[in-house]
Structure formats: structure tokens, C-alpha cells
Protein backbone atom coordinates (compact mmCIF):
# COMPACT_ATOMS: atom_id res chain seq x y z
CA MET A 1 0.00 0.00 0.00
CA ALA A 2 1.10 3.54 -0.68
CA ILE A 3 0.44 6.66 1.33
CA LYS A 4 -2.59 8.78 0.43
CA ASN A 5 -2.73 12.57 0.27
CA ASP A 6 -6.03 14.35 0.70
CA LYS A 7 -7.03 17.54 -1.07
CA ASN A 8 -5.46 19.63 1.68
CA GLY A 9 -2.09 17.91 1.26
CA ALA A 10 -2.32 15.90 4.50
CA ASN A 11 -0.64 12.48 4.56
CA ARG A 12 -3.08 9.77 5.53
CA CYS A 13 -2.89 6.07 6.31
CA PRO A 14 -4.19 4.11 3.29
CA LYS A 15 -6.12 1.76 5.59
CA CYS A 16 -7.78 3.92 8.27
CA GLY A 17 -7.15 7.47 7.02
CA ALA A 18 -5.33 8.65 10.17
CA THR A 19 -2.64 11.32 9.80
CA ASP A 20 -0.56 10.26 12.80
CA ILE A 21 2.15 8.38 10.89
CA GLU A 22 5.92 8.00 11.32
CA LEU A 23 8.89 6.00 10.05
CA ASP A 24 9.35 2.46 11.34
CA VAL A 25 13.14 2.00 11.15
CA ASN A 26 12.90 -1.78 11.62
CA SER A 27 11.10 -2.14 8.31
CA GLY A 28 12.08 1.09 6.59
CA LYS A 29 8.38 1.74 5.99
CA LEU A 30 5.89 4.28 7.30
CA LYS A 31 3.68 3.15 10.17
CA CYS A 32 0.26 4.36 11.21
CA LYS A 33 0.34 4.99 14.95
CA TYR A 34 -3.41 4.40 15.14
CA CYS A 35 -3.95 1.08 13.32
CA ARG A 36 -0.24 0.01 13.17
CA THR A 37 -0.39 -0.58 9.42
CA LEU A 38 2.95 -0.50 7.56
CA PHE A 39 3.06 0.98 4.06
CA ASP A 40 5.53 2.25 1.46
CA ASP A 41 5.98 5.45 -0.43
CA GLN A 42 6.85 4.95 -4.08
CA SER A 43 10.34 5.95 -5.23
CA ALA A 44 10.44 9.47 -6.60
CA ASN A 45 13.94 9.22 -8.07
CA ALA A 46 14.00 6.30 -10.47
CA TYR A 47 16.80 6.14 -13.05
CA GLY A 48 16.11 7.41 -16.53
CA GLY A 49 15.93 10.42 -18.76
CA VAL A 50 19.54 11.56 -18.34
CA GLU A 51 20.20 11.27 -22.08
CA ASP A 52 17.32 13.65 -22.81
CA LEU A 53 18.58 16.50 -20.61
CA THR A 54 19.32 19.58 -22.72
CA ASP A 55 18.72 22.33 -20.19
CA GLU A 56 19.06 23.07 -16.50
CA ILE A 57 16.09 21.65 -14.60
CA ILE A 58 15.77 22.68 -10.97
CA GLY A 59 13.39 21.03 -8.53
CA GLU A 60 11.35 23.21 -6.18
CA GLY A 61 13.46 22.09 -3.23
CA ALA A 62 16.66 23.00 -5.07
CA THR A 63 15.73 26.61 -5.84
CA ASN A 64 17.67 29.45 -4.25
CA ILE A 65 16.96 29.86 -0.57
CA ILE A 66 14.98 33.02 0.26
CA PRO A 67 16.04 34.21 3.71
CA ASP A 68 14.50 36.27 6.49
CA GLU A 69 10.76 36.78 6.27
CA ASN A 70 9.98 33.49 4.54
CA THR A 71 11.62 31.37 7.24
CA ILE A 72 8.75 32.12 9.64
CA LEU A 73 5.51 30.53 8.47
CA THR A 74 1.99 30.36 9.80
CA LEU A 75 0.32 27.10 8.84
CA LYS A 76 -3.42 26.58 9.03
CA CYS A 77 -4.44 23.13 10.19
CA PRO A 78 -6.74 21.58 7.55
CA ALA A 79 -8.36 19.36 10.17
CA CYS A 80 -9.49 21.85 12.85
CA GLY A 81 -8.56 25.28 11.48
CA ALA A 82 -6.02 26.18 14.18
CA GLU A 83 -2.98 28.23 13.19
CA VAL A 84 0.58 27.10 14.07
CA VAL A 85 3.72 29.20 13.64
CA ILE A 86 7.00 27.43 12.73
CA ASN A 87 10.53 28.59 12.04
CA THR A 88 11.85 26.69 9.00
CA ASP A 89 15.43 27.38 10.07
CA GLU A 90 14.76 24.88 12.85
CA VAL A 91 11.97 22.56 11.69
CA THR A 92 10.06 21.75 8.53
CA SER A 93 7.05 20.12 10.16
CA ALA A 94 4.94 20.56 13.29
CA ARG A 95 1.92 19.08 15.06
CA CYS A 96 -1.30 20.93 15.67
CA HIS A 97 -1.50 21.43 19.44
CA TRP A 98 -5.29 21.03 19.36
CA CYS A 99 -6.06 18.02 17.19
CA ARG A 100 -2.48 16.59 16.81
CA HIS A 101 -2.79 16.68 13.04
CA VAL A 102 0.69 16.72 11.44
CA LEU A 103 1.33 19.96 9.56
CA SER A 104 4.04 20.41 6.98
CA VAL A 105 5.33 23.05 4.62
CA ASN A 106 4.91 20.61 1.75
CA GLU A 107 3.86 22.53 -1.41
CA LYS A 108 3.64 25.71 0.62
CA MET A 109 7.07 27.26 0.31
CA PRO A 110 9.14 26.85 -2.89
CA ASN A 111 12.13 28.71 -1.42
CA GLY A 112 14.61 25.87 -0.93
CA ALA A 113 13.81 25.20 2.73
CA VAL A 114 12.04 21.95 1.91
CA PRO A 115 13.83 19.21 -0.08
CA ASP A 116 12.43 17.43 -3.11
CA LEU A 117 13.46 13.99 -1.88
CA VAL A 118 13.91 12.05 1.35
CA LEU A 119 15.82 8.79 1.80
CA PRO A 120 14.35 7.06 4.88
CA PHE A 121 16.45 5.65 7.72
CA LYS A 122 17.06 1.93 7.42
CA THR A 123 19.85 1.16 9.93
CA LYS A 124 18.58 1.04 13.52
CA LYS A 125 20.19 3.10 16.27
CA GLU A 126 21.39 -0.03 18.09
CA GLU A 127 23.17 -1.24 14.96
CA ALA A 128 24.80 2.16 14.46
CA GLU A 129 25.96 2.25 18.09
CA ALA A 130 27.52 -1.20 17.72
CA LYS A 131 29.38 -0.12 14.59
CA ILE A 132 30.68 3.04 16.29
CA HIS A 133 31.81 1.05 19.35
CA GLU A 134 33.63 -1.41 17.10
CA PHE A 135 35.28 1.38 15.11
CA VAL A 136 36.52 3.22 18.22
CA GLY A 137 37.42 -0.03 19.98
CA LYS A 138 40.02 -0.78 17.31
CA ARG A 139 41.66 2.60 17.98
CA GLN A 140 42.27 2.54 21.71
CA PHE A 141 46.04 2.27 22.13
CA PHE A 142 46.93 5.72 20.74
CA ALA A 143 43.60 7.37 21.49
CA HIS A 144 43.71 10.54 23.55
CA PRO A 145 43.29 9.57 27.25
CA LYS A 146 40.57 12.16 27.85
CA PHE A 147 38.62 10.85 24.86
CA LYS A 148 38.85 7.29 26.18
CA THR A 149 37.38 8.28 29.53
CA GLU A 150 34.62 10.40 28.01
CA PHE A 151 33.64 8.20 25.04
CA LYS A 152 30.06 6.98 25.12
CA THR A 153 27.42 6.79 22.44
CA ASP A 154 24.56 8.27 24.45
CA ASN A 155 24.72 11.35 22.24
CA ILE A 156 24.54 9.48 18.93
CA LEU A 157 22.17 11.43 16.73
CA GLY A 158 20.08 10.38 13.77
CA ALA A 159 20.17 13.28 11.32
CA TYR A 160 18.95 14.02 7.83
CA LEU A 161 21.66 16.03 6.10
CA PRO A 162 21.04 18.16 3.00
CA TYR A 163 22.51 17.14 -0.35
CA MET A 164 22.04 17.97 -3.98
CA VAL A 165 21.38 14.99 -6.25
CA VAL A 166 22.33 15.88 -9.81
CA ASP A 167 21.76 14.12 -13.13
CA VAL A 168 24.17 15.28 -15.83
CA ASN A 169 24.22 14.88 -19.61
CA ALA A 170 27.73 15.77 -20.78
CA HIS A 171 30.06 15.46 -23.76
CA ALA A 172 33.77 14.86 -23.16
CA GLU A 173 36.85 15.25 -25.35
CA MET A 174 40.32 14.20 -24.17
CA SER A 175 43.66 14.02 -25.95
CA GLY A 176 47.28 13.37 -24.99
CA GLU A 177 49.79 10.55 -25.05
CA ALA A 178 49.96 7.05 -23.60
CA GLU A 179 52.54 4.30 -23.39
CA HIS A 180 52.42 0.55 -23.85
CA LEU A 181 55.14 -1.56 -22.24
CA VAL A 182 57.06 -3.63 -24.79
CA ARG A 183 59.93 -5.00 -22.70
CA GLN A 184 61.35 -4.85 -19.19
CA TYR A 185 64.99 -5.85 -18.62
CA THR A 186 68.04 -5.36 -16.42
CA VAL A 187 71.32 -3.68 -17.39
CA GLY A 188 74.68 -3.62 -15.60
CA SER A 189 75.91 -6.03 -12.96
CA GLY A 190 76.45 -6.17 -9.24
CA ASN A 191 75.65 -2.97 -7.41
CA SER A 192 75.19 -1.07 -10.68
CA ARG A 193 72.32 -3.16 -12.00
CA ARG A 194 69.27 -1.15 -13.10
CA VAL A 195 65.81 -1.96 -14.42
CA LYS A 196 65.02 -0.44 -17.82
CA TYR A 197 61.87 -0.31 -19.93
CA ASP A 198 61.10 -0.17 -23.63
CA ALA A 199 57.71 1.24 -24.57
CA ASP A 200 55.65 2.37 -27.54
CA ALA A 201 54.30 5.91 -27.25
CA TYR A 202 50.95 6.75 -28.85
CA ASP A 203 49.06 9.94 -29.55
CA VAL A 204 45.59 9.19 -28.21
CA SER A 205 42.23 10.93 -28.17
CA ARG A 206 38.81 10.00 -26.86
CA GLU A 207 35.45 11.65 -27.51
CA PHE A 208 32.21 10.38 -25.96
CA ASP A 209 28.85 11.19 -24.41
CA LEU A 210 28.71 10.81 -20.64
CA PHE A 211 25.53 10.25 -18.64
CA VAL A 212 25.88 10.69 -14.88
CA ASP A 213 23.03 9.63 -12.60
CA ASP A 214 22.63 10.97 -9.06
CA LEU A 215 25.92 12.71 -8.50
CA THR A 216 25.63 13.56 -4.79
CA VAL A 217 27.11 16.76 -3.34
CA GLU A 218 26.92 18.21 0.18
CA ALA A 219 24.52 21.18 0.27
CA SER A 220 25.34 22.53 3.73
CA SER A 221 28.05 25.18 3.99
CA ASP A 222 29.13 23.58 7.25
CA LYS A 223 29.59 20.09 5.77
CA LEU A 224 30.81 21.49 2.45
CA ASN A 225 33.72 22.94 4.41
CA GLN A 226 36.17 20.02 4.66
CA ASP A 227 39.16 21.89 6.05
CA LEU A 228 41.03 19.15 7.92
CA LYS A 229 42.61 21.71 10.24
CA THR A 230 39.27 22.71 11.73
CA ASN A 231 36.91 19.74 11.27
CA THR A 232 36.60 16.10 10.28
CA ASN A 233 33.73 16.51 7.80
CA ASN A 234 35.61 14.38 5.27
CA VAL A 235 34.62 11.23 7.20
CA ILE A 236 30.93 12.08 6.64
CA ASN A 237 31.71 12.47 2.95
CA ALA A 238 33.46 9.08 3.03
CA ILE A 239 30.37 7.07 4.06
CA MET A 240 28.76 7.72 0.69
CA PRO A 241 27.34 6.48 -1.65
CA PHE A 242 23.68 6.37 -0.71
CA ASP A 243 21.11 4.36 -2.64
CA THR A 244 19.48 7.55 -3.88
CA GLU A 245 17.39 5.67 -6.42
CA ASN A 246 15.20 4.69 -3.45
CA CYS A 247 14.46 8.27 -2.41
CA VAL A 248 10.80 9.11 -1.93
CA GLY A 249 9.06 12.42 -2.39
CA TRP A 250 9.20 14.91 0.46
CA ASN A 251 7.12 13.71 3.39
CA PRO A 252 7.64 15.14 6.90
CA ALA A 253 6.51 11.86 8.45
CA TYR A 254 9.96 10.43 7.72
CA LEU A 255 11.58 13.11 9.88
CA ARG A 256 9.72 12.40 13.11
CA GLY A 257 12.18 11.34 15.80
CA PHE A 258 15.21 12.57 13.86
CA SER A 259 17.08 15.82 13.52
CA SER A 260 17.43 17.61 10.19
CA GLU A 261 19.68 20.34 8.89
CA LYS A 262 18.37 22.99 6.54
CA ARG A 263 20.21 23.44 3.25
CA ASP A 264 22.04 26.76 2.99
CA ALA A 265 24.11 26.30 -0.18
CA ASN A 266 22.60 27.36 -3.50
CA ILE A 267 23.27 25.81 -6.89
CA ASP A 268 25.64 28.58 -8.00
CA LEU A 269 28.02 27.66 -5.16
CA LEU A 270 27.80 23.94 -5.97
CA LYS A 271 28.23 24.12 -9.73
CA PRO A 272 32.07 24.21 -9.63
CA VAL A 273 32.05 21.10 -7.43
CA MET A 274 29.61 19.36 -9.77
CA GLN A 275 31.61 20.25 -12.89
CA ALA A 276 34.92 19.11 -11.37
CA GLN A 277 33.42 15.83 -10.21
CA VAL A 278 31.87 15.16 -13.63
CA GLY A 279 35.38 15.68 -15.03
CA ASP A 280 36.67 13.09 -12.55
CA VAL A 281 33.95 10.65 -13.63
CA ALA A 282 34.89 11.20 -17.29
CA ARG A 283 38.60 10.63 -16.55
CA TYR A 284 37.78 7.45 -14.65
CA LYS A 285 35.27 6.17 -17.20
CA VAL A 286 37.55 6.64 -20.19
CA LYS A 287 40.05 4.22 -18.63
CA GLU A 288 37.75 1.43 -19.80
CA SER A 289 38.99 2.15 -23.32
CA MET A 290 42.65 2.50 -22.30
CA THR A 291 43.52 -0.98 -21.01
CA PHE A 292 46.16 -1.44 -23.73
CA TYR A 293 48.24 1.36 -22.24
CA ASN A 294 49.70 -0.42 -19.23
CA ARG A 295 52.16 2.42 -18.50
CA GLY A 296 49.37 4.98 -18.16
CA ALA A 297 48.34 8.14 -19.99
CA LYS A 298 49.11 11.84 -19.84
CA TRP A 299 46.14 13.96 -20.91
CA THR A 300 47.23 17.35 -22.22
CA ASN A 301 43.74 18.52 -23.20
CA GLU A 302 40.51 17.78 -21.35
CA LYS A 303 37.15 19.31 -22.18
CA VAL A 304 33.81 18.39 -20.64
CA ASP A 305 30.74 20.24 -21.94
CA ILE A 306 27.62 20.08 -19.76
CA LYS A 307 24.64 19.73 -22.10
CA GLY A 308 21.93 19.43 -19.47
CA THR A 309 21.40 18.94 -15.73
CA LYS A 310 18.63 18.12 -13.31
CA TRP A 311 19.04 19.31 -9.72
CA LYS A 312 17.07 17.89 -6.81
CA SER A 313 17.50 18.66 -3.14
CA ALA A 314 17.51 15.62 -0.87
CA TYR A 315 17.63 14.71 2.80
CA LEU A 316 19.93 11.71 3.30
CA PRO A 317 20.14 9.80 6.63
CA VAL A 318 23.23 9.60 8.83
CA TRP A 319 23.92 8.41 12.37
CA LEU A 320 26.46 10.76 13.95
CA TYR A 321 28.69 10.57 17.01
CA SER A 322 30.59 13.78 17.72
CA TYR A 323 33.37 14.67 20.15
CA TYR A 324 34.94 18.08 20.61
CA GLN A 325 38.66 18.00 21.39
CA GLU A 326 39.18 21.16 23.42
CA ASP A 327 42.98 21.33 23.32
CA LYS A 328 42.97 21.24 19.50
CA LYS A 329 39.64 23.04 19.02
CA LEU A 330 38.68 20.21 16.68
CA LEU A 331 35.32 18.49 16.30
CA HIS A 332 35.67 14.76 15.59
CA TYR A 333 32.93 12.71 13.94
CA VAL A 334 32.23 9.02 13.64
CA ALA A 335 29.51 8.62 11.02
CA VAL A 336 27.36 5.69 9.93
CA ASN A 337 25.47 5.60 6.65
CA ALA A 338 21.92 4.89 7.83
CA ARG A 339 21.16 2.99 4.62
CA THR A 340 24.26 0.86 3.94
CA GLY A 341 25.81 0.71 7.42
CA ALA A 342 29.15 2.03 6.13
CA VAL A 343 31.14 3.62 8.96
CA MET A 344 34.04 6.08 9.01
CA GLY A 345 35.40 8.36 11.69
CA SER A 346 38.14 10.35 13.34
CA VAL A 347 39.50 9.55 16.80
CA PRO A 348 41.60 12.07 18.81
CA ILE A 349 45.22 10.93 19.06
CA ASN A 350 47.66 11.02 21.94
CA LYS A 351 50.41 12.51 19.75
CA THR A 352 53.01 12.50 22.52
CA LYS A 353 52.70 8.74 22.91
CA LEU A 354 52.65 8.21 19.14
CA ARG A 355 55.78 10.34 18.62
CA ILE A 356 57.72 8.56 21.36
CA ILE A 357 56.98 5.10 19.99
CA SER A 358 57.57 6.28 16.41
CA GLY A 359 60.94 7.68 17.54
CA ILE A 360 61.93 4.38 19.15
CA ILE A 361 60.99 2.50 15.99
CA GLU A 362 62.96 5.01 13.93
CA VAL A 363 66.13 4.54 16.03
CA ILE A 364 65.88 0.75 15.80
CA GLY A 365 65.23 0.97 12.06
CA ILE A 366 68.25 3.21 11.43
CA PHE A 367 70.51 0.86 13.37
CA LEU A 368 69.29 -2.26 11.54
CA GLY A 369 69.27 -0.46 8.20
CA PHE A 370 72.91 0.56 8.44
CA GLN A 371 73.91 -2.94 9.53
CA TRP A 372 72.11 -4.35 6.48
CA ILE A 373 73.83 -1.87 4.15
CA ARG A 374 77.30 -2.57 5.60
CA PHE A 375 76.76 -6.29 5.20
CA TRP A 376 75.75 -6.18 1.54
CA LEU A 377 78.43 -3.65 0.55
CA GLY A 378 81.01 -6.23 1.60
CA VAL A 379 79.40 -9.13 -0.25
CA ASP A 380 80.06 -9.96 -3.90
CA THR A 381 76.61 -10.80 -5.20
CA ASP A 382 74.66 -10.63 -8.44
CA ASP A 383 71.39 -9.86 -6.63
CA ASP A 384 69.61 -6.70 -7.69
CA ASN A 385 71.07 -4.21 -5.19
CA PRO A 386 69.88 -5.97 -2.01
CA TRP A 387 71.57 -3.31 0.11
CA LEU A 388 68.93 -0.88 -1.06
CA PHE A 389 66.46 -2.69 1.16
CA GLY A 390 68.51 -1.40 4.05
CA LEU A 391 67.50 2.11 3.13
CA ALA A 392 63.97 1.21 4.12
CA GLY A 393 65.31 0.94 7.66
CA LEU A 394 65.95 4.69 7.65
CA THR A 395 62.25 5.61 7.56
CA PRO A 396 60.20 3.09 9.62
CA GLY A 397 59.37 5.61 12.34
CA PHE A 398 57.93 8.06 9.81
CA ILE A 399 56.01 5.28 8.07
CA PHE A 400 54.64 4.00 11.38
CA TYR A 401 53.56 7.52 12.36
CA TRP A 402 51.70 8.02 9.08
CA ILE A 403 50.01 4.61 9.23
CA LYS A 404 48.67 5.30 12.71
CA MET A 405 47.60 8.84 11.84
CA SER A 406 45.75 7.42 8.84
CA LYS A 407 44.03 4.77 10.93
CA TYR A 408 42.92 7.16 13.68
CA ARG A 409 42.23 10.39 11.78
CA ASN A 410 41.41 9.02 8.29
CA MET A 411 42.36 12.31 6.64
CA ASP A 412 42.75 10.59 3.28
CA LYS A 413 39.24 9.13 3.28
CA ARG A 414 36.61 10.56 0.94
CA HIS A 415 33.67 9.56 -1.21
CA LYS A 416 35.12 8.04 -4.38
CA HIS A 417 32.59 9.82 -6.56
CA GLU A 418 34.48 9.02 -9.75
CA ALA A 419 33.98 5.28 -9.23
CA ASN A 420 30.83 5.05 -7.09
CA THR A 421 28.55 7.39 -9.04
CA LYS A 422 26.42 5.61 -11.61
CA SER A 423 27.58 6.66 -15.08
CA GLU A 424 27.47 5.49 -18.66
CA MET A 425 29.75 6.24 -21.61
CA LYS A 426 28.23 6.12 -25.11
CA ASN A 427 29.12 7.00 -28.71
CA LEU A 428 32.85 6.58 -28.08
CA LYS A 429 35.21 7.80 -30.81
CA LYS A 430 38.84 6.71 -30.49
CA SER A 431 42.09 7.68 -32.13
CA ASP A 432 45.37 5.84 -31.41
CA ASN A 433 48.44 6.69 -33.50
CA LEU A 434 51.91 5.32 -32.84
CA ARG A 435 54.29 8.22 -32.25
CA GLU A 436 57.63 6.53 -31.48
CA HIS A 437 59.46 3.60 -29.90
CA ARG A 438 61.11 4.59 -26.64
CA LYS A 439 63.99 2.53 -25.28
CA GLY A 440 65.96 2.48 -22.07
CA LEU A 441 63.36 4.30 -19.97
CA SER A 442 64.03 4.50 -16.23
CA ASN A 443 60.48 5.14 -15.02
CA SER A 444 57.97 2.32 -14.65
CA ARG A 445 55.13 4.67 -15.67
CA ILE A 446 54.77 7.40 -18.29
CA ILE A 447 56.25 10.70 -17.16
CA GLY A 448 53.50 13.16 -16.21
CA GLN A 449 50.82 10.50 -15.79
CA ASN A 450 47.54 12.15 -14.79
CA ASP A 451 44.83 9.71 -15.84
CA SER A 452 43.92 9.06 -12.20
CA VAL A 453 44.00 12.63 -10.89
CA ILE A 454 41.01 13.66 -8.78
CA LYS A 455 40.09 17.36 -8.94
CA GLY A 456 36.60 17.32 -7.45
CA THR A 457 37.54 16.69 -3.82
CA ILE A 458 36.88 19.45 -1.29
CA ALA A 459 39.15 18.09 1.48
CA THR A 460 41.96 20.56 2.18
CA ASN A 461 44.94 21.31 4.37
CA GLY A 462 46.30 17.77 4.64
CA LYS A 463 49.78 19.27 4.26
CA GLU A 464 49.47 21.35 7.41
CA MET A 465 48.02 18.46 9.41
CA MET A 466 50.98 16.17 8.70
CA GLY A 467 53.73 18.72 8.12
CA GLU A 468 54.59 19.94 4.62
CA LYS A 469 57.75 17.94 4.02
CA MET A 470 56.29 14.70 5.30
CA ALA A 471 53.06 15.29 3.35
CA ASN A 472 55.03 15.84 0.14
CA TYR A 473 57.12 12.74 0.76
CA LEU A 474 54.06 10.59 1.44
CA GLY A 475 52.11 12.10 -1.46
CA ILE A 476 49.15 13.34 0.55
CA ASP A 477 48.31 15.90 -2.15
CA ARG A 478 48.02 13.09 -4.68
CA MET A 479 45.58 11.34 -2.34
CA PHE A 480 43.48 14.50 -2.13
CA GLY A 481 43.80 14.96 -5.90
CA SER A 482 45.04 18.54 -5.96
CA LYS A 483 48.37 20.28 -6.16
CA PRO A 484 49.52 22.40 -3.20
CA GLU A 485 48.94 25.63 -5.10
CA ASP A 486 45.48 24.64 -6.33
CA LYS A 487 42.43 26.33 -4.82
CA PRO A 488 40.08 23.68 -3.38
CA VAL A 489 37.03 23.18 -5.54
CA GLY A 490 33.91 24.91 -4.25
CA GLN A 491 35.71 27.15 -1.78
CA ASN A 492 36.99 30.71 -2.00
CA ASN A 493 40.43 31.27 -0.54
CA ASP A 494 40.85 34.85 -1.73
CA ASN A 495 40.38 36.21 1.76
CA LYS A 496 43.19 34.18 3.26
CA LYS A 497 46.22 36.12 4.42
């Protein structure tokens, strides 16, 4: 059975007609609190029609937010005629205090305060608590002592967070060069042996239509800000994707018992993020036609034309545990996707303890590394420079430090939108022309390889969190997909001093 709406827009039970309905998380369905009947809402976001987009289509819930006077509404109860005042900055539904009829701003305010879509909670609170306990439990040894004494999941919160769900019809053109490995061999002898590569270099180009379904972007300025120096919002980003194809039309009954955050980011702010992420999807998708080039590709020209888009505002469900680390002025999150159960988080670290143990490991590694090097320098062997393995002993402390930082803080985690967003490539046109045979190459990959670069991430300041030299050495900028001098997509850094 599906929910019924009367002529006044009230949501009614399809069996008894009562309006006192709410989400039953155990089943993921709506439940009538009067007759206990369970029923479904039909999906309002089924796949299809992306190929036909030729313009910008904006849902009512995705329109620009009109501030001030329109955030305070007076709703007239259709059941008894009473008037109820609500502030849409805080809530988007209310209950008549006389007849308990549920009132909503559905179809009453096309100013962006109400989303087009809602994805109901599916994971129960108990399941989310267990996942958070398990996640934190595996990160106890180096956890900050104050955090360990204060950690409890009593404040876990079920929240609907605002997102934009975007369908995109695009056309992509890419050109550059790629290399195919012909031969790998060794030259020299003893300690002077080196690995060399012969490869064929090709001029390559790809042109294709790209259809992207339900690209999902944060639509809250707070969560859109993923500055790792001041917050851990990237872990919320990392629990995506959501099964947005199962979104239902806006219905305030799904929000009862949960918190919700009002969207405050308009489409104009989100367009650069969308365009960069579509470029990432195109770069990832075109690799399906590049399997011959096992040494990678270097794209010198990339062009993605957006032919049409459809924007819908959506509430997506998340279970959140938060902890404010006072000494660092940093808010840590552990988040659970309330549809898939995916969990990711950040745990405060006892850096003093981590540095001491990393230092001990570093001293031991240096000692063993030099002993290894001295041994192999005095041995006549045809092995491929075994003494080089001793050099690894010079960095174990740094490696250990980074591994633990990654496990506890998860600064490198993000939503892999390029791979996880549903997309389709059609009408592919290819050009592959042999340029030259290259011999005696020292690099195992093509110089300047950029076919896996990610430009649509909004996580920033990983360099400062780890230290610039260490971040460069470990390649943290490559993990975040942007160069140090690049401005993070979707954010304005012009006012930084």
C-alpha cells in the first residue's frame, strides 16, 4: 500500500485514514500509529531520462533559498482550522497542538527550505551504536586519554543532512599521449644493475557522451567545508554512496524522531564542485577504453561540456557521534550511513605517545638499516642491489607515524565519486596513433601520468596536518587529488592572508 494525500495535502494512512504516521526504522516503511499498518511510499527518483537533458532543470526544493521573512511561516491546520507558527530554520514540520494533526510546509514554500526527496532511515540506532563502538574499539592504544574516559554513544544522533542529487548529460573530449610496455629488462651487474623499460608511445584521443546519474554533493556550507585543520567533515563524505534511487518524495513523516539540517548552499556555489566531479567521472570512465596502455596516460587537453542537468534537493540519513577536542579546538565525527551501514570516523590521538613510539621504531630501524647496508656492501653478489632494502630501515618511524595517523584520523578518506557514481559512456570515438618507440626508460610509468588525478575533492589542508615535508614525501596531495597551489574546488580562498 502507498500513502494517500487528501485535497489539503495531509498524509493519511491508506487503511484507516489517520494522519498520525511516522517512520518504522525496523522495516524502513511508514507506520500508522493508530492502526499500526505498515506501508511504502513509491520511489520518486528512479533512473532514466539523463540522455534527454538539454537544459538546467531545478526542482522546487533546489531553488535558491529566500532568507529572512519566509523562514517564519503560519500554517493553518486543515483538520481543525487552528494556526501554528513554525521557524523553518529549525523545523520543517509541526503538530497541531489542538487536534495533533501533522502539519508540513509541503507545497507551501518553494524557497529551498524543503527538499524534493527524502531517503528514509534503514539502519537502527542499536546497529549504528555497535558499529561506532567497534570502530573506536580498534583505535584505543593511541587514542587521547581524555577521549577514552569520556567516550560513550549516548549522544549518537540520527540526522537528515542536505545534499544535492544531480543528473548530468555531458560530452567529453580528451587528448594526450599514452605508453604501452614492450619490454622490461636489467642492465649492468652487481651494485650497478638497473631496471630499464622499452615502450611504444601513442598519440591518443577520446570523444564520448557521458551520462551521470545521481551525483551527490553536500549542500550545507558547514559540511561542504572540509578543512582538515578545523573539522573532520571528510569522514561524513566518506560514508557515501547512498542508494538515492530509493528516495521518496518529500514527506515530513519520515523526519519524526530525527534531527534535520536545513540546506544553505545554493546551486551557484555547488556548480564548480559538480563540474569538477563530472570531469573526474569522465577521466575514470575513459580508462575502460585505455587498457592497452599499461604504463598509463598523460592527458594534455581535457574538455567536458555540460549539455543538461537536473538538480534535486535531498535529505539523506546519517547516524552521527561527535566529540569536541578542546585542546585542539577540533570536532571529531564518527559517522554511519543509515542505509548501507558504512562507517568512518576520526578519533583524537595522543600525539606525545605516538611520537615517542615512532621515535623508538625510527632509532631501531636506522641501526638495523645501516647494519644491512654494511653487510651487503662487503658481499660480492649478483642480486639486484639488495643493500637498497637497508635504506627502508631509515624511515620506519615516519612510516609508522603516518600509518597510525591514517588509521585514527582518516584524513585521506573521501567519497570516491568518480567510481561510485552511476555513469554510462556512449558513442565513443577513439584515435590511437603510434608516435615513437622509446627505449631504455628509467620510469615504470609514463612521465607526467595524470589519468587518475582527482580534482573534485573538497578536502583541504592535509599538508598542514601532517607537516609539509612529510606530506610531500608521502604524497598526501596526490591522495586529495590537488596540487599544493590549487584552490580547493567549491571554496573561495581569496580572503586568506
